[in-house]
Amino acid sequence: MKKIWFLFLISSSTYATELSLDKQYPKYKIEYDPKTYTIKILSKKNATKECDKDAKSSSTKALIERNLRSRDKKIIINFTCHRES
């Protein structure tokens, strides 16, 4: 009986892992211009209105600014939104 419960627990946790790996998060390709401090969305996949706002938010700009190496040219970045819809 213990073996059956053990197999049941293993199979249920495997199923739960499979469900969590299948989730599709919205993905964006954005362009940041450090001279004008603007973000332009180049492409989106599985987009939502909330994630559109997150992609252009001031916190995203601040994150990019902190990791910026050169202010000479525009930068293209892949952005994934992990907000629950």
PDB file of N, CA and C in Angstrom:
ATOM      1  N   MET A   1       0.819  -1.187   0.000  1.00  0.00           N
ATOM      2  CA  MET A   1       0.000   0.000   0.000  1.00  0.00           C
ATOM      3  C   MET A   1       0.870   1.261   0.000  1.00  0.00           C
ATOM      4  N   LYS A   2       2.001   1.236   0.715  1.00  0.00           N
ATOM      5  CA  LYS A   2       2.897   2.387   0.763  1.00  0.00           C
ATOM      6  C   LYS A   2       3.482   2.671  -0.614  1.00  0.00           C
ATOM      7  N   LYS A   3       3.750   1.625  -1.364  1.00  0.00           N
ATOM      8  CA  LYS A   3       4.311   1.797  -2.705  1.00  0.00           C
ATOM      9  C   LYS A   3       3.307   2.490  -3.623  1.00  0.00           C
ATOM     10  N   ILE A   4       2.045   2.165  -3.486  1.00  0.00           N
ATOM     11  CA  ILE A   4       1.011   2.777  -4.317  1.00  0.00           C
ATOM     12  C   ILE A   4       0.909   4.270  -4.013  1.00  0.00           C
ATOM     13  N   TRP A   5       0.915   4.647  -2.730  1.00  0.00           N
ATOM     14  CA  TRP A   5       0.858   6.051  -2.357  1.00  0.00           C
ATOM     15  C   TRP A   5       2.096   6.800  -2.844  1.00  0.00           C
ATOM     16  N   PHE A   6       3.232   6.167  -2.742  1.00  0.00           N
ATOM     17  CA  PHE A   6       4.469   6.779  -3.202  1.00  0.00           C
ATOM     18  C   PHE A   6       4.418   7.042  -4.712  1.00  0.00           C
ATOM     19  N   LEU A   7       3.954   6.068  -5.485  1.00  0.00           N
ATOM     20  CA  LEU A   7       3.818   6.248  -6.927  1.00  0.00           C
ATOM     21  C   LEU A   7       2.793   7.327  -7.267  1.00  0.00           C
ATOM     22  N   PHE A   8       1.715   7.371  -6.498  1.00  0.00           N
ATOM     23  CA  PHE A   8       0.698   8.395  -6.710  1.00  0.00           C
ATOM     24  C   PHE A   8       1.266   9.794  -6.471  1.00  0.00           C
ATOM     25  N   LEU A   9       2.045   9.976  -5.420  1.00  0.00           N
ATOM     26  CA  LEU A   9       2.638  11.277  -5.126  1.00  0.00           C
ATOM     27  C   LEU A   9       3.636  11.708  -6.195  1.00  0.00           C
ATOM     28  N   ILE A  10       4.420  10.772  -6.675  1.00  0.00           N
ATOM     29  CA  ILE A  10       5.387  11.081  -7.735  1.00  0.00           C
ATOM     30  C   ILE A  10       4.668  11.496  -9.008  1.00  0.00           C
ATOM     31  N   SER A  11       3.637  10.767  -9.383  1.00  0.00           N
ATOM     32  CA  SER A  11       2.933  11.088 -10.621  1.00  0.00           C
ATOM     33  C   SER A  11       2.181  12.416 -10.520  1.00  0.00           C
ATOM     34  N   SER A  12       1.615  12.722  -9.357  1.00  0.00           N
ATOM     35  CA  SER A  12       0.895  13.995  -9.213  1.00  0.00           C
ATOM     36  C   SER A  12       1.849  15.181  -9.232  1.00  0.00           C
ATOM     37  N   SER A  13       3.022  15.040  -8.637  1.00  0.00           N
ATOM     38  CA  SER A  13       3.980  16.149  -8.666  1.00  0.00           C
ATOM     39  C   SER A  13       4.549  16.334 -10.078  1.00  0.00           C
ATOM     40  N   THR A  14       4.704  15.261 -10.812  1.00  0.00           N
ATOM     41  CA  THR A  14       5.170  15.353 -12.189  1.00  0.00           C
ATOM     42  C   THR A  14       4.137  16.064 -13.047  1.00  0.00           C
ATOM     43  N   TYR A  15       2.866  15.775 -12.837  1.00  0.00           N
ATOM     44  CA  TYR A  15       1.793  16.417 -13.583  1.00  0.00           C
ATOM     45  C   TYR A  15       1.738  17.916 -13.257  1.00  0.00           C
ATOM     46  N   ALA A  16       1.912  18.280 -12.012  1.00  0.00           N
ATOM     47  CA  ALA A  16       1.898  19.686 -11.610  1.00  0.00           C
ATOM     48  C   ALA A  16       3.077  20.434 -12.222  1.00  0.00           C
ATOM     49  N   THR A  17       4.231  19.819 -12.302  1.00  0.00           N
ATOM     50  CA  THR A  17       5.393  20.438 -12.925  1.00  0.00           C
ATOM     51  C   THR A  17       5.145  20.658 -14.405  1.00  0.00           C
ATOM     52  N   GLU A  18       4.522  19.706 -15.052  1.00  0.00           N
ATOM     53  CA  GLU A  18       4.220  19.826 -16.470  1.00  0.00           C
ATOM     54  C   GLU A  18       3.257  20.985 -16.727  1.00  0.00           C
ATOM     55  N   LEU A  19       2.285  21.172 -15.859  1.00  0.00           N
ATOM     56  CA  LEU A  19       1.341  22.276 -16.014  1.00  0.00           C
ATOM     57  C   LEU A  19       2.014  23.623 -15.833  1.00  0.00           C
ATOM     58  N   SER A  20       2.928  23.728 -14.886  1.00  0.00           N
ATOM     59  CA  SER A  20       3.581  25.013 -14.639  1.00  0.00           C
ATOM     60  C   SER A  20       4.589  25.357 -15.726  1.00  0.00           C
ATOM     61  N   LEU A  21       5.174  24.376 -16.386  1.00  0.00           N
ATOM     62  CA  LEU A  21       6.132  24.646 -17.449  1.00  0.00           C
ATOM     63  C   LEU A  21       5.448  25.059 -18.742  1.00  0.00           C
ATOM     64  N   ASP A  22       4.165  24.773 -18.866  1.00  0.00           N
ATOM     65  CA  ASP A  22       3.441  25.034 -20.096  1.00  0.00           C
ATOM     66  C   ASP A  22       2.966  26.480 -20.207  1.00  0.00           C
ATOM     67  N   LYS A  23       3.116  27.286 -19.187  1.00  0.00           N
ATOM     68  CA  LYS A  23       2.593  28.654 -19.168  1.00  0.00           C
ATOM     69  C   LYS A  23       3.343  29.536 -20.163  1.00  0.00           C
ATOM     70  N   GLN A  24       2.594  30.301 -20.924  1.00  0.00           N
ATOM     71  CA  GLN A  24       3.167  31.203 -21.924  1.00  0.00           C
ATOM     72  C   GLN A  24       3.085  32.639 -21.423  1.00  0.00           C
ATOM     73  N   TYR A  25       4.207  33.249 -21.134  1.00  0.00           N
ATOM     74  CA  TYR A  25       4.255  34.631 -20.680  1.00  0.00           C
ATOM     75  C   TYR A  25       4.342  35.575 -21.877  1.00  0.00           C
ATOM     76  N   PRO A  26       3.776  36.773 -21.753  1.00  0.00           N
ATOM     77  CA  PRO A  26       3.906  37.760 -22.835  1.00  0.00           C
ATOM     78  C   PRO A  26       5.364  38.156 -23.036  1.00  0.00           C
ATOM     79  N   LYS A  27       5.773  38.185 -24.300  1.00  0.00           N
ATOM     80  CA  LYS A  27       7.155  38.537 -24.628  1.00  0.00           C
ATOM     81  C   LYS A  27       7.163  39.721 -25.584  1.00  0.00           C
ATOM     82  N   TYR A  28       8.074  40.642 -25.331  1.00  0.00           N
ATOM     83  CA  TYR A  28       8.187  41.865 -26.120  1.00  0.00           C
ATOM     84  C   TYR A  28       9.615  42.035 -26.603  1.00  0.00           C
ATOM     85  N   LYS A  29       9.743  42.675 -27.734  1.00  0.00           N
ATOM     86  CA  LYS A  29      11.042  43.160 -28.187  1.00  0.00           C
ATOM     87  C   LYS A  29      10.906  44.679 -28.172  1.00  0.00           C
ATOM     88  N   ILE A  30      11.697  45.336 -27.320  1.00  0.00           N
ATOM     89  CA  ILE A  30      11.583  46.780 -27.172  1.00  0.00           C
ATOM     90  C   ILE A  30      12.893  47.458 -27.549  1.00  0.00           C
ATOM     91  N   GLU A  31      12.770  48.708 -27.958  1.00  0.00           N
ATOM     92  CA  GLU A  31      13.926  49.520 -28.316  1.00  0.00           C
ATOM     93  C   GLU A  31      13.978  50.703 -27.366  1.00  0.00           C
ATOM     94  N   TYR A  32      15.125  50.898 -26.744  1.00  0.00           N
ATOM     95  CA  TYR A  32      15.310  51.997 -25.796  1.00  0.00           C
ATOM     96  C   TYR A  32      16.290  53.003 -26.372  1.00  0.00           C
ATOM     97  N   ASP A  33      15.889  54.263 -26.378  1.00  0.00           N
ATOM     98  CA  ASP A  33      16.749  55.347 -26.845  1.00  0.00           C
ATOM     99  C   ASP A  33      17.267  56.103 -25.630  1.00  0.00           C
ATOM    100  N   PRO A  34      18.547  55.969 -25.279  1.00  0.00           N
ATOM    101  CA  PRO A  34      19.077  56.616 -24.070  1.00  0.00           C
ATOM    102  C   PRO A  34      19.188  58.135 -24.186  1.00  0.00           C
ATOM    103  N   LYS A  35      19.157  58.668 -25.379  1.00  0.00           N
ATOM    104  CA  LYS A  35      19.254  60.122 -25.535  1.00  0.00           C
ATOM    105  C   LYS A  35      17.928  60.805 -25.204  1.00  0.00           C
ATOM    106  N   THR A  36      16.805  60.181 -25.576  1.00  0.00           N
ATOM    107  CA  THR A  36      15.487  60.775 -25.330  1.00  0.00           C
ATOM    108  C   THR A  36      14.722  60.068 -24.217  1.00  0.00           C
ATOM    109  N   TYR A  37      15.275  58.993 -23.660  1.00  0.00           N
ATOM    110  CA  TYR A  37      14.657  58.210 -22.584  1.00  0.00           C
ATOM    111  C   TYR A  37      13.288  57.657 -22.981  1.00  0.00           C
ATOM    112  N   THR A  38      13.177  57.159 -24.198  1.00  0.00           N
ATOM    113  CA  THR A  38      11.901  56.613 -24.673  1.00  0.00           C
ATOM    114  C   THR A  38      12.024  55.139 -24.986  1.00  0.00           C
ATOM    115  N   ILE A  39      10.901  54.430 -24.822  1.00  0.00           N
ATOM    116  CA  ILE A  39      10.819  53.007 -25.149  1.00  0.00           C
ATOM    117  C   ILE A  39       9.803  52.839 -26.266  1.00  0.00           C
ATOM    118  N   LYS A  40      10.194  52.079 -27.278  1.00  0.00           N
ATOM    119  CA  LYS A  40       9.318  51.791 -28.407  1.00  0.00           C
ATOM    120  C   LYS A  40       9.164  50.275 -28.504  1.00  0.00           C
ATOM    121  N   ILE A  41       7.937  49.777 -28.576  1.00  0.00           N
ATOM    122  CA  ILE A  41       7.688  48.339 -28.692  1.00  0.00           C
ATOM    123  C   ILE A  41       7.807  47.950 -30.166  1.00  0.00           C
ATOM    124  N   LEU A  42       8.741  47.048 -30.463  1.00  0.00           N
ATOM    125  CA  LEU A  42       8.958  46.604 -31.840  1.00  0.00           C
ATOM    126  C   LEU A  42       8.073  45.422 -32.199  1.00  0.00           C
ATOM    127  N   SER A  43       7.935  44.460 -31.277  1.00  0.00           N
ATOM    128  CA  SER A  43       7.064  43.308 -31.521  1.00  0.00           C
ATOM    129  C   SER A  43       6.571  42.761 -30.194  1.00  0.00           C
ATOM    130  N   LYS A  44       5.425  42.054 -30.242  1.00  0.00           N
ATOM    131  CA  LYS A  44       4.857  41.459 -29.037  1.00  0.00           C
ATOM    132  C   LYS A  44       4.243  40.111 -29.362  1.00  0.00           C
ATOM    133  N   LYS A  45       4.262  39.250 -28.347  1.00  0.00           N
ATOM    134  CA  LYS A  45       3.691  37.911 -28.478  1.00  0.00           C
ATOM    135  C   LYS A  45       2.904  37.616 -27.199  1.00  0.00           C
ATOM    136  N   ASN A  46       1.641  37.229 -27.325  1.00  0.00           N
ATOM    137  CA  ASN A  46       0.740  36.962 -26.186  1.00  0.00           C
ATOM    138  C   ASN A  46       0.573  38.197 -25.307  1.00  0.00           C
ATOM    139  N   ALA A  47       0.457  39.365 -25.905  1.00  0.00           N
ATOM    140  CA  ALA A  47       0.446  40.626 -25.164  1.00  0.00           C
ATOM    141  C   ALA A  47      -0.879  40.876 -24.445  1.00  0.00           C
ATOM    142  N   THR A  48      -0.800  41.606 -23.335  1.00  0.00           N
ATOM    143  CA  THR A  48      -1.968  42.084 -22.605  1.00  0.00           C
ATOM    144  C   THR A  48      -1.794  43.584 -22.359  1.00  0.00           C
ATOM    145  N   LYS A  49      -2.869  44.252 -22.003  1.00  0.00           N
ATOM    146  CA  LYS A  49      -2.803  45.696 -21.765  1.00  0.00           C
ATOM    147  C   LYS A  49      -1.920  46.024 -20.564  1.00  0.00           C
ATOM    148  N   GLU A  50      -2.012  45.209 -19.505  1.00  0.00           N
ATOM    149  CA  GLU A  50      -1.193  45.452 -18.320  1.00  0.00           C
ATOM    150  C   GLU A  50       0.291  45.313 -18.632  1.00  0.00           C
ATOM    151  N   CYS A  51       0.629  44.312 -19.429  1.00  0.00           N
ATOM    152  CA  CYS A  51       2.038  44.102 -19.769  1.00  0.00           C
ATOM    153  C   CYS A  51       2.543  45.161 -20.748  1.00  0.00           C
ATOM    154  N   ASP A  52       1.633  45.703 -21.590  1.00  0.00           N
ATOM    155  CA  ASP A  52       2.027  46.827 -22.451  1.00  0.00           C
ATOM    156  C   ASP A  52       2.455  48.007 -21.598  1.00  0.00           C
ATOM    157  N   LYS A  53       1.697  48.264 -20.519  1.00  0.00           N
ATOM    158  CA  LYS A  53       2.044  49.361 -19.615  1.00  0.00           C
ATOM    159  C   LYS A  53       3.349  49.075 -18.887  1.00  0.00           C
ATOM    160  N   ASP A  54       3.553  47.814 -18.479  1.00  0.00           N
ATOM    161  CA  ASP A  54       4.796  47.446 -17.792  1.00  0.00           C
ATOM    162  C   ASP A  54       6.013  47.603 -18.700  1.00  0.00           C
ATOM    163  N   ALA A  55       5.849  47.289 -19.971  1.00  0.00           N
ATOM    164  CA  ALA A  55       6.970  47.376 -20.906  1.00  0.00           C
ATOM    165  C   ALA A  55       7.429  48.814 -21.095  1.00  0.00           C
ATOM    166  N   LYS A  56       6.504  49.767 -20.975  1.00  0.00           N
ATOM    167  CA  LYS A  56       6.846  51.177 -21.162  1.00  0.00           C
ATOM    168  C   LYS A  56       6.938  51.955 -19.851  1.00  0.00           C
ATOM    169  N   SER A  57       6.893  51.277 -18.729  1.00  0.00           N
ATOM    170  CA  SER A  57       6.851  51.958 -17.431  1.00  0.00           C
ATOM    171  C   SER A  57       8.198  52.580 -17.059  1.00  0.00           C
ATOM    172  N   SER A  58       8.135  53.450 -16.066  1.00  0.00           N
ATOM    173  CA  SER A  58       9.359  54.113 -15.604  1.00  0.00           C
ATOM    174  C   SER A  58      10.291  53.137 -14.890  1.00  0.00           C
ATOM    175  N   SER A  59       9.735  52.089 -14.274  1.00  0.00           N
ATOM    176  CA  SER A  59      10.601  51.101 -13.617  1.00  0.00           C
ATOM    177  C   SER A  59      11.407  50.298 -14.640  1.00  0.00           C
ATOM    178  N   THR A  60      10.824  50.040 -15.798  1.00  0.00           N
ATOM    179  CA  THR A  60      11.562  49.354 -16.862  1.00  0.00           C
ATOM    180  C   THR A  60      12.676  50.256 -17.385  1.00  0.00           C
ATOM    181  N   LYS A  61      12.374  51.535 -17.549  1.00  0.00           N
ATOM    182  CA  LYS A  61      13.398  52.488 -17.988  1.00  0.00           C
ATOM    183  C   LYS A  61      14.539  52.560 -16.983  1.00  0.00           C
ATOM    184  N   ALA A  62      14.195  52.584 -15.694  1.00  0.00           N
ATOM    185  CA  ALA A  62      15.225  52.647 -14.651  1.00  0.00           C
ATOM    186  C   ALA A  62      16.088  51.391 -14.663  1.00  0.00           C
ATOM    187  N   LEU A  63      15.472  50.238 -14.866  1.00  0.00           N
ATOM    188  CA  LEU A  63      16.230  48.980 -14.945  1.00  0.00           C
ATOM    189  C   LEU A  63      17.202  48.991 -16.112  1.00  0.00           C
ATOM    190  N   ILE A  64      16.757  49.481 -17.247  1.00  0.00           N
ATOM    191  CA  ILE A  64      17.624  49.560 -18.423  1.00  0.00           C
ATOM    192  C   ILE A  64      18.762  50.558 -18.172  1.00  0.00           C
ATOM    193  N   GLU A  65      18.428  51.688 -17.582  1.00  0.00           N
ATOM    194  CA  GLU A  65      19.442  52.720 -17.297  1.00  0.00           C
ATOM    195  C   GLU A  65      20.542  52.195 -16.372  1.00  0.00           C
ATOM    196  N   ARG A  66      20.152  51.404 -15.376  1.00  0.00           N
ATOM    197  CA  ARG A  66      21.155  50.861 -14.443  1.00  0.00           C
ATOM    198  C   ARG A  66      22.134  49.930 -15.137  1.00  0.00           C
ATOM    199  N   ASN A  67      21.675  49.229 -16.173  1.00  0.00           N
ATOM    200  CA  ASN A  67      22.528  48.257 -16.856  1.00  0.00           C
ATOM    201  C   ASN A  67      23.080  48.770 -18.180  1.00  0.00           C
ATOM    202  N   LEU A  68      22.941  50.042 -18.421  1.00  0.00           N
ATOM    203  CA  LEU A  68      23.373  50.643 -19.679  1.00  0.00           C
ATOM    204  C   LEU A  68      24.887  50.804 -19.698  1.00  0.00           C
ATOM    205  N   ARG A  69      25.496  50.436 -20.815  1.00  0.00           N
ATOM    206  CA  ARG A  69      26.954  50.569 -20.943  1.00  0.00           C
ATOM    207  C   ARG A  69      27.346  51.732 -21.840  1.00  0.00           C
ATOM    208  N   SER A  70      26.539  51.954 -22.860  1.00  0.00           N
ATOM    209  CA  SER A  70      26.866  53.024 -23.801  1.00  0.00           C
ATOM    210  C   SER A  70      25.612  53.852 -24.083  1.00  0.00           C
ATOM    211  N   ARG A  71      25.764  55.159 -24.068  1.00  0.00           N
ATOM    212  CA  ARG A  71      24.636  56.053 -24.332  1.00  0.00           C
ATOM    213  C   ARG A  71      24.663  56.564 -25.771  1.00  0.00           C
ATOM    214  N   ASP A  72      25.468  55.955 -26.613  1.00  0.00           N
ATOM    215  CA  ASP A  72      25.655  56.444 -27.974  1.00  0.00           C
ATOM    216  C   ASP A  72      24.569  55.979 -28.947  1.00  0.00           C
ATOM    217  N   LYS A  73      24.016  54.814 -28.733  1.00  0.00           N
ATOM    218  CA  LYS A  73      23.072  54.289 -29.721  1.00  0.00           C
ATOM    219  C   LYS A  73      21.862  53.643 -29.046  1.00  0.00           C
ATOM    220  N   LYS A  74      20.850  53.373 -29.836  1.00  0.00           N
ATOM    221  CA  LYS A  74      19.635  52.732 -29.340  1.00  0.00           C
ATOM    222  C   LYS A  74      19.919  51.263 -29.020  1.00  0.00           C
ATOM    223  N   ILE A  75      19.159  50.736 -28.073  1.00  0.00           N
ATOM    224  CA  ILE A  75      19.374  49.374 -27.610  1.00  0.00           C
ATOM    225  C   ILE A  75      18.098  48.577 -27.823  1.00  0.00           C
ATOM    226  N   ILE A  76      18.218  47.349 -28.322  1.00  0.00           N
ATOM    227  CA  ILE A  76      17.071  46.459 -28.494  1.00  0.00           C
ATOM    228  C   ILE A  76      17.150  45.377 -27.424  1.00  0.00           C
ATOM    229  N   ILE A  77      16.040  45.212 -26.700  1.00  0.00           N
ATOM    230  CA  ILE A  77      15.998  44.313 -25.546  1.00  0.00           C
ATOM    231  C   ILE A  77      14.782  43.409 -25.641  1.00  0.00           C
ATOM    232  N   ASN A  78      14.933  42.156 -25.211  1.00  0.00           N
ATOM    233  CA  ASN A  78      13.796  41.251 -25.060  1.00  0.00           C
ATOM    234  C   ASN A  78      13.262  41.397 -23.646  1.00  0.00           C
ATOM    235  N   PHE A  79      11.951  41.614 -23.518  1.00  0.00           N
ATOM    236  CA  PHE A  79      11.288  41.860 -22.235  1.00  0.00           C
ATOM    237  C   PHE A  79      10.193  40.816 -22.068  1.00  0.00           C
ATOM    238  N   THR A  80      10.200  40.114 -20.934  1.00  0.00           N
ATOM    239  CA  THR A  80       9.171  39.130 -20.623  1.00  0.00           C
ATOM    240  C   THR A  80       8.386  39.621 -19.410  1.00  0.00           C
ATOM    241  N   CYS A  81       7.084  39.662 -19.552  1.00  0.00           N
ATOM    242  CA  CYS A  81       6.211  40.125 -18.479  1.00  0.00           C
ATOM    243  C   CYS A  81       5.729  38.908 -17.675  1.00  0.00           C
ATOM    244  N   HIS A  82       5.941  38.930 -16.377  1.00  0.00           N
ATOM    245  CA  HIS A  82       5.544  37.806 -15.519  1.00  0.00           C
ATOM    246  C   HIS A  82       4.323  38.141 -14.691  1.00  0.00           C
ATOM    247  N   ARG A  83       3.526  39.075 -15.130  1.00  0.00           N
ATOM    248  CA  ARG A  83       2.301  39.472 -14.429  1.00  0.00           C
ATOM    249  C   ARG A  83       1.217  38.431 -14.696  1.00  0.00           C
ATOM    250  N   GLU A  84       0.475  38.109 -13.655  1.00  0.00           N
ATOM    251  CA  GLU A  84      -0.649  37.174 -13.776  1.00  0.00           C
ATOM    252  C   GLU A  84      -1.839  37.902 -14.365  1.00  0.00           C
ATOM    253  N   SER A  85      -2.436  37.351 -15.441  1.00  0.00           N
ATOM    254  CA  SER A  85      -3.599  37.994 -16.051  1.00  0.00           C
ATOM    255  C   SER A  85      -4.872  37.308 -15.666  1.00  0.00           C
TER     256      SER A  85
END
